[in-house]
């Protein structure tokens, strides 16, 4: 029996035991990570540099890309390093920091998606008041509230989780540190305090979910009243990417945390964790740019400017 005061490291779940499969896991995660860095980096650069995209929708999209970059950078590089160096260890403080950042960034993303639903609601249902309700100061305050809420939410859960005595070993059955797996290491009934906090949190998150659903009920009702087909198409193209991102995020998180215990297994938990912690940050940029002409044009400008700059540097070096 180990005590949390004597623990100095945890052992994370390995994706594979053989060297070949470890290198395959490293390569796959490297490809996903680079795709997420490229996609989100391009969106951040495009929104920051193109004045046509200095609107509330793209301001929130920039914040979403920052959160996605942070979320995938918190889990994937450590997992890649463990596979590359054939180890499973993560320090006690490293595990606490990783758990804090994962919860902070994913909770912040969820709160930001709620704010983005409100932005779409105002844009379509109250267009005449959009400039007043979604001014630059209001947008900054809403984005800051999403980040701050995620920070406080994470600080509360992380502090509570690591204040619980751990006496069931140090093996975490996941490729990164997450609350349910740490609670499995706790002593007898000492985890009930965190479970109570989780129940309160679920009520809060469910409230945000209801707000998003009601916003989209109002949005679709308003869109179906638009007489012109072109107007309806434009309205749907504004909302569908956000709805797709929300659906992907919520469906994977719900499967991860609300699936019946009878369905739980290390392999299934691993796959589900990849689906909610790794896949969305890599896929979100593709979803948002797929049907968005303004964003596509801005991304083309960024890419062409990048290639032009690199060619100019290469030419100057040769000359």
Protein backbone atom coordinates (compact mmCIF):
# COMPACT_ATOMS: atom_id res chain seq x y z
CA UNK A 1 0.00 0.00 0.00
CA UNK A 2 1.39 3.38 -1.01
CA UNK A 3 0.55 6.76 0.36
CA UNK A 4 0.14 9.90 -1.75
CA UNK A 5 2.74 11.65 0.37
CA UNK A 6 5.34 9.05 -0.65
CA UNK A 7 4.45 8.96 -4.36
CA UNK A 8 6.96 10.69 -6.59
CA UNK A 9 5.76 9.40 -9.96
CA UNK A 10 2.88 7.71 -11.78
CA UNK A 11 2.99 5.09 -14.54
CA UNK A 12 0.84 5.96 -17.57
CA UNK A 13 -0.83 3.42 -19.83
CA UNK A 14 1.39 2.31 -22.71
CA UNK A 15 -0.12 2.08 -26.20
CA UNK A 16 2.03 -0.92 -27.09
CA UNK A 17 4.58 -3.32 -25.66
CA UNK A 18 6.65 -4.12 -28.75
CA UNK A 19 9.18 -1.63 -30.11
CA UNK A 20 7.66 -1.63 -33.60
CA UNK A 21 4.19 -0.71 -32.32
CA UNK A 22 5.66 1.94 -30.02
CA UNK A 23 7.34 3.59 -33.01
CA UNK A 24 4.09 3.29 -34.99
CA UNK A 25 2.22 5.04 -32.17
CA UNK A 26 4.91 7.74 -32.08
CA UNK A 27 4.59 8.28 -35.85
CA UNK A 28 0.78 8.43 -35.82
CA UNK A 29 0.68 10.87 -32.91
CA UNK A 30 3.43 12.95 -34.53
CA UNK A 31 1.36 13.23 -37.72
CA UNK A 32 -1.79 14.21 -35.80
CA UNK A 33 0.14 16.70 -33.67
CA UNK A 34 1.79 18.37 -36.66
CA UNK A 35 -1.59 18.57 -38.44
CA UNK A 36 -3.11 20.24 -35.36
CA UNK A 37 -0.19 22.67 -35.08
CA UNK A 38 -0.39 23.56 -38.77
CA UNK A 39 -4.18 23.90 -38.94
CA UNK A 40 -4.64 25.90 -35.76
CA UNK A 41 -1.49 27.93 -36.40
CA UNK A 42 -2.76 28.94 -39.84
CA UNK A 43 -6.14 29.98 -38.43
CA UNK A 44 -4.51 32.05 -35.67
CA UNK A 45 -2.21 33.75 -38.20
CA UNK A 46 -5.00 34.36 -40.71
CA UNK A 47 -7.39 35.87 -38.16
CA UNK A 48 -4.65 38.00 -36.59
CA UNK A 49 -3.29 39.34 -39.90
CA UNK A 50 -6.39 39.74 -42.10
CA UNK A 51 -8.47 42.78 -41.10
CA UNK A 52 -11.49 41.30 -42.90
CA UNK A 53 -11.59 38.64 -40.18
CA UNK A 54 -11.55 41.07 -37.26
CA UNK A 55 -15.13 40.21 -36.31
CA UNK A 56 -16.59 38.54 -33.18
CA UNK A 57 -17.00 35.13 -34.87
CA UNK A 58 -13.35 34.95 -35.93
CA UNK A 59 -12.13 36.43 -32.65
CA UNK A 60 -13.78 33.52 -30.83
CA UNK A 61 -12.42 31.11 -33.44
CA UNK A 62 -8.89 32.40 -32.73
CA UNK A 63 -9.44 31.71 -29.02
CA UNK A 64 -10.75 28.24 -29.84
CA UNK A 65 -7.61 27.49 -31.86
CA UNK A 66 -5.41 28.65 -28.96
CA UNK A 67 -7.28 26.34 -26.58
CA UNK A 68 -7.03 23.44 -29.05
CA UNK A 69 -3.29 23.98 -29.45
CA UNK A 70 -2.84 24.01 -25.68
CA UNK A 71 -5.02 20.92 -25.14
CA UNK A 72 -3.24 18.71 -27.65
CA UNK A 73 0.20 19.98 -26.57
CA UNK A 74 -0.56 18.96 -22.98
CA UNK A 75 -1.17 15.27 -23.72
CA UNK A 76 0.32 14.18 -27.05
CA UNK A 77 4.03 15.20 -26.73
CA UNK A 78 4.39 13.38 -23.38
CA UNK A 79 2.77 10.25 -24.82
CA UNK A 80 5.05 10.45 -27.87
CA UNK A 81 8.14 10.85 -25.67
CA UNK A 82 7.15 7.86 -23.55
CA UNK A 83 6.78 5.66 -26.64
CA UNK A 84 10.03 6.92 -28.14
CA UNK A 85 12.05 6.35 -24.96
CA UNK A 86 10.16 3.19 -23.96
CA UNK A 87 9.00 4.48 -20.59
CA UNK A 88 5.68 5.03 -18.81
CA UNK A 89 6.72 7.37 -16.02
CA UNK A 90 5.43 10.86 -15.26
CA UNK A 91 6.39 12.73 -12.11
CA UNK A 92 3.83 13.48 -9.40
CA UNK A 93 4.04 17.22 -10.07
CA UNK A 94 4.01 16.60 -13.82
CA UNK A 95 0.83 14.54 -13.48
CA UNK A 96 -0.83 17.26 -11.38
CA UNK A 97 0.20 19.93 -13.92
CA UNK A 98 -1.01 17.81 -16.84
CA UNK A 99 -4.38 17.15 -15.19
CA UNK A 100 -4.80 20.83 -14.37
CA UNK A 101 -4.00 21.93 -17.94
CA UNK A 102 -6.19 19.28 -19.59
CA UNK A 103 -9.22 20.19 -17.46
CA UNK A 104 -8.51 23.93 -17.78
CA UNK A 105 -8.22 23.88 -21.58
CA UNK A 106 -11.09 21.46 -22.27
CA UNK A 107 -13.43 23.23 -19.82
CA UNK A 108 -12.39 26.59 -21.28
CA UNK A 109 -13.16 25.24 -24.76
CA UNK A 110 -16.61 24.10 -23.66
CA UNK A 111 -17.41 27.48 -22.11
CA UNK A 112 -16.11 29.22 -25.24
CA UNK A 113 -18.31 27.04 -27.47
CA UNK A 114 -21.26 28.18 -25.32
CA UNK A 115 -20.27 31.81 -25.93
CA UNK A 116 -19.94 31.09 -29.66
CA UNK A 117 -23.47 29.66 -29.68
CA UNK A 118 -24.68 32.94 -28.18
CA UNK A 119 -22.76 34.87 -30.87
CA UNK A 120 -24.47 32.86 -33.64
CA UNK A 121 -27.85 33.32 -31.94
CA UNK A 122 -27.47 37.12 -31.82
CA UNK A 123 -26.13 37.26 -35.41
CA UNK A 124 -29.13 35.41 -36.85
CA UNK A 125 -32.00 36.09 -34.44
CA UNK A 126 -31.15 39.68 -33.45
CA UNK A 127 -29.11 41.06 -36.39
CA UNK A 128 -30.12 44.68 -35.77
CA UNK A 129 -28.68 44.51 -32.23
CA UNK A 130 -25.56 42.55 -33.18
CA UNK A 131 -23.22 45.54 -33.19
CA UNK A 132 -24.44 46.62 -29.76
CA UNK A 133 -24.54 43.22 -28.04
CA UNK A 134 -21.33 41.90 -29.62
CA UNK A 135 -19.06 44.93 -29.48
CA UNK A 136 -15.32 44.48 -29.14
CA UNK A 137 -15.35 45.10 -25.39
CA UNK A 138 -18.21 42.64 -24.85
CA UNK A 139 -16.40 39.98 -26.92
CA UNK A 140 -13.18 40.37 -24.92
CA UNK A 141 -15.12 40.09 -21.66
CA UNK A 142 -16.93 36.93 -22.82
CA UNK A 143 -13.72 35.28 -24.03
CA UNK A 144 -11.94 36.23 -20.79
CA UNK A 145 -14.86 34.81 -18.79
CA UNK A 146 -14.56 31.49 -20.67
CA UNK A 147 -10.80 31.28 -19.97
CA UNK A 148 -11.23 32.33 -16.33
CA UNK A 149 -14.10 29.88 -15.77
CA UNK A 150 -11.99 27.05 -17.16
CA UNK A 151 -9.08 28.07 -14.91
CA UNK A 152 -11.22 28.18 -11.73
CA UNK A 153 -13.03 24.97 -12.66
CA UNK A 154 -9.71 23.18 -13.16
CA UNK A 155 -8.08 24.61 -10.03
CA UNK A 156 -11.01 23.39 -7.94
CA UNK A 157 -10.94 19.86 -9.37
CA UNK A 158 -7.15 19.50 -9.42
CA UNK A 159 -6.73 20.72 -5.85
CA UNK A 160 -9.51 18.46 -4.62
CA UNK A 161 -8.30 15.39 -6.55
CA UNK A 162 -4.71 15.60 -5.32
CA UNK A 163 -5.77 16.32 -1.74
CA UNK A 164 -7.31 12.84 -1.58
CA UNK A 165 -5.04 10.10 -0.08
CA UNK A 166 -3.86 7.62 -2.73
CA UNK A 167 -3.16 4.08 -1.60
CA UNK A 168 -3.96 1.87 -4.61
CA UNK A 169 -0.56 2.06 -6.28
CA UNK A 170 0.63 4.50 -8.94
CA UNK A 171 -0.55 2.92 -12.22
CA UNK A 172 -2.82 5.27 -14.21
CA UNK A 173 -4.88 3.31 -16.76
CA UNK A 174 -4.78 6.11 -19.32
CA UNK A 175 -2.14 7.70 -21.59
CA UNK A 176 -2.44 10.99 -19.67
CA UNK A 177 -3.49 11.96 -16.15
CA UNK A 178 -7.25 12.44 -15.84
CA UNK A 179 -9.53 12.70 -12.82
CA UNK A 180 -11.41 9.34 -13.03
CA UNK A 181 -8.16 7.37 -13.29
CA UNK A 182 -6.55 9.22 -10.35
CA UNK A 183 -9.70 8.63 -8.25
CA UNK A 184 -9.35 4.88 -8.86
CA UNK A 185 -6.10 5.06 -6.85
CA UNK A 186 -7.76 6.71 -3.84
CA UNK A 187 -8.37 5.07 -0.49
CA UNK A 188 -11.83 3.54 0.18
CA UNK A 189 -14.47 6.31 0.51
CA UNK A 190 -12.14 9.30 0.42
CA UNK A 191 -13.00 9.93 -3.24
CA UNK A 192 -16.67 10.74 -2.45
CA UNK A 193 -15.80 14.42 -1.92
CA UNK A 194 -14.55 14.72 -5.50
CA UNK A 195 -17.54 12.72 -6.78
CA UNK A 196 -19.84 15.27 -5.13
CA UNK A 197 -17.92 18.08 -6.83
CA UNK A 198 -18.22 16.25 -10.16
CA UNK A 199 -22.00 16.01 -9.72
CA UNK A 200 -22.20 19.80 -9.19
CA UNK A 201 -19.95 20.31 -12.22
CA UNK A 202 -22.14 18.07 -14.37
CA UNK A 203 -25.14 20.26 -13.47
CA UNK A 204 -23.19 23.37 -14.56
CA UNK A 205 -22.04 21.74 -17.81
CA UNK A 206 -25.56 20.46 -18.47
CA UNK A 207 -26.81 24.03 -18.06
CA UNK A 208 -24.39 25.16 -20.79
CA UNK A 209 -25.55 22.25 -22.96
CA UNK A 210 -29.21 23.28 -22.57
CA UNK A 211 -28.24 26.87 -23.46
CA UNK A 212 -26.52 25.67 -26.66
CA UNK A 213 -29.48 23.48 -27.63
CA UNK A 214 -32.03 26.25 -27.02
CA UNK A 215 -29.87 28.71 -28.97
CA UNK A 216 -29.86 26.40 -31.99
CA UNK A 217 -33.60 25.76 -31.74
CA UNK A 218 -34.09 29.54 -31.99
CA UNK A 219 -31.49 29.79 -34.77
CA UNK A 220 -33.04 27.08 -36.96
CA UNK A 221 -36.52 28.48 -36.37
CA UNK A 222 -35.31 31.91 -37.53
CA UNK A 223 -33.41 30.47 -40.52
CA UNK A 224 -36.43 28.53 -41.79
CA UNK A 225 -38.40 31.81 -41.82
CA UNK A 226 -35.89 33.45 -44.22
CA UNK A 227 -37.72 33.70 -47.59
CA UNK A 228 -34.72 33.45 -49.94
CA UNK A 229 -32.82 30.19 -50.44
CA UNK A 230 -29.54 32.13 -50.67
CA UNK A 231 -30.20 33.75 -47.29
CA UNK A 232 -30.96 30.38 -45.68
CA UNK A 233 -27.80 28.88 -47.20
CA UNK A 234 -25.67 31.75 -45.87
CA UNK A 235 -27.18 31.44 -42.40
CA UNK A 236 -26.66 27.68 -42.30
CA UNK A 237 -23.05 28.03 -43.49
CA UNK A 238 -22.43 30.38 -40.55
CA UNK A 239 -23.81 27.91 -37.99
CA UNK A 240 -23.08 24.39 -39.22
CA UNK A 241 -19.29 24.45 -38.56
CA UNK A 242 -19.86 25.52 -34.94
CA UNK A 243 -22.62 22.92 -34.54
CA UNK A 244 -20.32 20.21 -35.95
CA UNK A 245 -17.50 21.17 -33.54
CA UNK A 246 -19.91 21.22 -30.57
CA UNK A 247 -21.34 17.82 -31.56
CA UNK A 248 -17.89 16.27 -31.94
CA UNK A 249 -16.70 17.67 -28.61
CA UNK A 250 -19.78 16.78 -26.57
CA UNK A 251 -20.36 13.32 -28.07
CA UNK A 252 -16.79 12.18 -27.34
CA UNK A 253 -16.77 13.67 -23.82
CA UNK A 254 -20.17 12.14 -23.01
CA UNK A 255 -19.02 8.72 -24.23
CA UNK A 256 -15.85 9.04 -22.16
CA UNK A 257 -17.49 10.02 -18.87
CA UNK A 258 -21.09 8.79 -19.06
CA UNK A 259 -20.71 5.31 -20.55
CA UNK A 260 -21.93 2.43 -18.32
CA UNK A 261 -19.24 0.85 -16.11
CA UNK A 262 -20.01 -2.52 -17.71
CA UNK A 263 -18.67 -1.19 -21.02
CA UNK A 264 -15.47 0.12 -19.48
CA UNK A 265 -12.18 -1.53 -20.44
CA UNK A 266 -8.62 -0.19 -20.76
CA UNK A 267 -8.69 -0.52 -24.56
CA UNK A 268 -12.08 1.22 -24.95
CA UNK A 269 -11.14 3.96 -22.45
CA UNK A 270 -7.94 4.57 -24.42
CA UNK A 271 -9.77 4.88 -27.75
CA UNK A 272 -12.40 7.22 -26.27
CA UNK A 273 -9.72 9.40 -24.64
CA UNK A 274 -7.99 9.77 -28.02
CA UNK A 275 -11.34 10.72 -29.57
CA UNK A 276 -12.03 13.57 -27.13
CA UNK A 277 -8.50 14.78 -26.29
CA UNK A 278 -6.58 14.30 -29.55
CA UNK A 279 -8.94 14.21 -32.54
CA UNK A 280 -10.97 17.47 -32.07
CA UNK A 281 -7.94 19.84 -31.97
CA UNK A 282 -6.71 18.32 -35.24
CA UNK A 283 -10.12 18.24 -36.96
CA UNK A 284 -11.62 21.57 -35.83
CA UNK A 285 -9.58 23.75 -38.25
CA UNK A 286 -10.71 21.54 -41.15
CA UNK A 287 -14.37 21.78 -40.08
CA UNK A 288 -14.27 25.58 -39.82
CA UNK A 289 -12.44 26.16 -43.10
CA UNK A 290 -14.33 23.61 -45.21
CA UNK A 291 -17.36 25.80 -46.09
CA UNK A 292 -16.02 29.24 -45.15
CA UNK A 293 -14.94 31.28 -48.18
CA UNK A 294 -13.62 34.23 -46.13
CA UNK A 295 -11.40 31.96 -44.05
CA UNK A 296 -10.24 30.00 -47.11
CA UNK A 297 -9.20 33.23 -48.86
CA UNK A 298 -7.34 34.43 -45.76
CA UNK A 299 -5.58 31.05 -45.41
CA UNK A 300 -4.52 31.18 -49.07
CA UNK A 301 -3.02 34.64 -48.48
CA UNK A 302 -1.10 33.36 -45.43
CA UNK A 303 0.20 30.30 -47.31
CA UNK A 304 1.17 32.30 -50.43
CA UNK A 305 2.86 34.94 -48.26
CA UNK A 306 4.78 32.20 -46.43
CA UNK A 307 6.00 30.62 -49.67
CA UNK A 308 6.83 34.04 -51.16
CA UNK A 309 8.87 34.96 -48.08
CA UNK A 310 10.74 31.64 -48.09
CA UNK A 311 11.50 31.97 -51.83
CA UNK A 312 12.71 35.53 -51.29
CA UNK A 313 15.02 34.41 -48.46
CA UNK A 314 16.35 31.53 -50.56
CA UNK A 315 16.98 33.86 -53.52
CA UNK A 316 18.85 36.37 -51.35
CA UNK A 317 21.02 33.59 -49.90
CA UNK A 318 21.95 32.29 -53.37
CA UNK A 319 22.71 35.76 -54.67
